C-alpha atoms as a PDB file:
ATOM      1  CA  MET A   1     150.763  66.530 113.663  1.00  0.00           C
ATOM      2  CA  LYS A   2     148.928  63.363 114.586  1.00  0.00           C
ATOM      3  CA  VAL A   3     145.393  62.631 115.538  1.00  0.00           C
ATOM      4  CA  GLU A   4     144.400  59.556 117.596  1.00  0.00           C
ATOM      5  CA  TYR A   5     140.777  58.142 118.008  1.00  0.00           C
ATOM      6  CA  ASN A   6     141.636  56.030 120.846  1.00  0.00           C
ATOM      7  CA  LYS A   7     139.190  58.092 123.038  1.00  0.00           C
ATOM      8  CA  LEU A   8     136.366  57.204 120.622  1.00  0.00           C
ATOM      9  CA  PHE A   9     136.997  53.563 120.924  1.00  0.00           C
ATOM     10  CA  GLU A  10     137.375  53.736 124.701  1.00  0.00           C
ATOM     11  CA  LYS A  11     133.971  55.626 124.651  1.00  0.00           C
ATOM     12  CA  LEU A  12     132.338  52.913 122.756  1.00  0.00           C
ATOM     13  CA  LYS A  13     133.654  50.189 124.996  1.00  0.00           C
ATOM     14  CA  ALA A  14     132.603  52.169 128.150  1.00  0.00           C
ATOM     15  CA  GLU A  15     129.066  52.532 126.808  1.00  0.00           C
ATOM     16  CA  GLY A  16     128.825  49.052 125.572  1.00  0.00           C
ATOM     17  CA  ILE A  17     128.263  50.116 121.935  1.00  0.00           C
ATOM     18  CA  THR A  18     129.644  47.650 119.332  1.00  0.00           C
ATOM     19  CA  GLN A  19     131.366  49.111 116.298  1.00  0.00           C
ATOM     20  CA  ALA A  20     128.719  47.749 114.036  1.00  0.00           C
ATOM     21  CA  VAL A  21     125.978  49.497 116.066  1.00  0.00           C
ATOM     22  CA  PHE A  22     128.024  52.694 116.069  1.00  0.00           C
ATOM     23  CA  LYS A  23     128.812  52.496 112.410  1.00  0.00           C
ATOM     24  CA  LYS A  24     125.147  52.081 111.501  1.00  0.00           C
ATOM     25  CA  ASN A  25     123.564  54.635 113.934  1.00  0.00           C
ATOM     26  CA  ALA A  26     126.373  57.389 113.362  1.00  0.00           C
ATOM     27  CA  ASN A  27     125.990  56.765 109.625  1.00  0.00           C
ATOM     28  CA  ILE A  28     129.682  55.924 109.308  1.00  0.00           C
ATOM     29  CA  ASN A  29     130.871  53.705 106.488  1.00  0.00           C
ATOM     30  CA  SER A  30     133.250  50.646 106.823  1.00  0.00           C
ATOM     31  CA  GLY A  31     136.088  52.553 105.056  1.00  0.00           C
ATOM     32  CA  THR A  32     135.738  55.438 107.488  1.00  0.00           C
ATOM     33  CA  LEU A  33     135.645  53.224 110.562  1.00  0.00           C
ATOM     34  CA  ASN A  34     138.735  51.506 109.329  1.00  0.00           C
ATOM     35  CA  LYS A  35     140.437  54.965 109.158  1.00  0.00           C
ATOM     36  CA  LEU A  36     139.458  55.930 112.654  1.00  0.00           C
ATOM     37  CA  LEU A  37     140.723  52.423 113.806  1.00  0.00           C
ATOM     38  CA  HIS A  38     143.962  53.063 112.260  1.00  0.00           C
ATOM     39  CA  ASN A  39     144.235  56.866 113.295  1.00  0.00           C
ATOM     40  CA  GLY A  40     143.987  57.858 109.571  1.00  0.00           C
ATOM     41  CA  ASN A  41     142.534  61.075 108.192  1.00  0.00           C
ATOM     42  CA  VAL A  42     138.796  61.721 108.248  1.00  0.00           C
ATOM     43  CA  THR A  43     136.562  64.600 107.265  1.00  0.00           C
ATOM     44  CA  THR A  44     135.190  67.225 109.636  1.00  0.00           C
ATOM     45  CA  GLU A  45     131.849  65.936 108.498  1.00  0.00           C
ATOM     46  CA  THR A  46     132.804  62.578 109.994  1.00  0.00           C
ATOM     47  CA  ILE A  47     133.941  63.958 113.318  1.00  0.00           C
ATOM     48  CA  CYS A  48     130.573  66.157 113.448  1.00  0.00           C
ATOM     49  CA  ARG A  49     128.556  62.854 112.932  1.00  0.00           C
ATOM     50  CA  ILE A  50     130.379  61.282 115.788  1.00  0.00           C
ATOM     51  CA  CYS A  51     129.975  64.117 118.118  1.00  0.00           C
ATOM     52  CA  ASP A  52     126.190  64.468 117.042  1.00  0.00           C
ATOM     53  CA  TYR A  53     126.040  60.663 117.971  1.00  0.00           C
ATOM     54  CA  PHE A  54     127.462  61.190 121.380  1.00  0.00           C
ATOM     55  CA  HIS A  55     126.382  64.752 122.031  1.00  0.00           C
ATOM     56  CA  CYS A  56     129.898  65.406 122.865  1.00  0.00           C
ATOM     57  CA  MET A  57     132.734  67.840 121.811  1.00  0.00           C
ATOM     58  CA  PRO A  58     135.567  66.571 119.494  1.00  0.00           C
ATOM     59  CA  ASP A  59     138.191  66.293 122.282  1.00  0.00           C
ATOM     60  CA  GLU A  60     136.110  63.560 123.938  1.00  0.00           C
ATOM     61  CA  VAL A  61     136.537  61.236 120.881  1.00  0.00           C
ATOM     62  CA  MET A  62     139.980  62.370 119.404  1.00  0.00           C
ATOM     63  CA  GLU A  63     143.412  63.561 120.563  1.00  0.00           C
ATOM     64  CA  TRP A  64     145.661  65.900 118.735  1.00  0.00           C
ATOM     65  CA  ILE A  65     149.317  65.288 119.271  1.00  0.00           C
ATOM     66  CA  PRO A  66     151.852  67.830 118.003  1.00  0.00           C
ATOM     67  CA  GLU A  67     154.497  66.236 115.870  1.00  0.00           C
ATOM     68  CA  MET A  68     157.212  67.022 118.406  1.00  0.00           C
ATOM     69  CA  ASP A  69     155.360  64.969 120.979  1.00  0.00           C
ATOM     70  CA  TYR A  70     154.259  62.155 119.098  1.00  0.00           C
ATOM     71  CA  PRO A  71     157.675  60.098 119.368  1.00  0.00           C
ATOM     72  CA  GLU A  72     157.702  60.844 123.067  1.00  0.00           C
ATOM     73  CA  LYS A  73     154.210  59.299 123.382  1.00  0.00           C
ATOM     74  CA  ILE A  74     155.157  56.213 121.468  1.00  0.00           C
ATOM     75  CA  LYS A  75     158.268  55.659 123.608  1.00  0.00           C
ATOM     76  CA  ALA A  76     156.261  56.113 126.766  1.00  0.00           C
ATOM     77  CA  LYS A  77     153.597  53.595 125.608  1.00  0.00           C
ATOM     78  CA  GLN A  78     156.276  51.055 124.728  1.00  0.00           C
ATOM     79  CA  GLN A  79     158.069  51.494 128.119  1.00  0.00           C
ATOM     80  CA  ALA A  80     154.737  51.082 129.818  1.00  0.00           C
ATOM     81  CA  ARG A  81     154.025  47.963 127.817  1.00  0.00           C
ATOM     82  CA  ALA A  82     157.476  46.477 128.650  1.00  0.00           C
ATOM     83  CA  GLU A  83     156.997  47.075 132.261  1.00  0.00           C
ATOM     84  CA  LEU A  84     153.564  45.336 132.060  1.00  0.00           C
ATOM     85  CA  GLU A  85     155.100  42.379 130.178  1.00  0.00           C
ATOM     86  CA  ALA A  86     157.973  42.141 132.740  1.00  0.00           C
ATOM     87  CA  GLN A  87     155.233  42.030 135.578  1.00  0.00           C
ATOM     88  CA  ILE A  88     153.215  39.418 133.715  1.00  0.00           C
ATOM     89  CA  ALA A  89     156.361  37.346 133.348  1.00  0.00           C
ATOM     90  CA  GLU A  90     157.175  37.574 136.892  1.00  0.00           C
ATOM     91  CA  LEU A  91     153.692  36.598 138.023  1.00  0.00           C
ATOM     92  CA  GLN A  92     153.726  33.625 135.647  1.00  0.00           C
ATOM     93  CA  ALA A  93     156.993  32.338 137.050  1.00  0.00           C
ATOM     94  CA  LYS A  94     155.528  32.573 140.524  1.00  0.00           C
ATOM     95  CA  LEU A  95     152.389  30.833 139.490  1.00  0.00           C
ATOM     96  CA  LYS A  96     154.444  28.029 137.875  1.00  0.00           C
ATOM     97  CA  ASN A  97     156.300  27.503 141.217  1.00  0.00           C
ATOM     98  CA  LEU A  98     153.165  27.093 143.281  1.00  0.00           C
END
């Protein structure tokens, strides 16, 4: 099983909240914030603090990925990235020719 906290950081960005402000106001220490940034293990107490801060449910700040689905998700992200990089390269080549 894998847990990702990408939704948390998307939520912070969408609401215009810096990590420093979030850390202070949610009473999260630097080590815990680092674990969240790197999808590490955190306590349920930490999850509760985050949810209390946002007045939300855990599924709004974290995503549980079953172990069997995790490699597929990584592969899909890598493929999407490669496609975007190819589009960027194509656009840069067009721009260079202008």
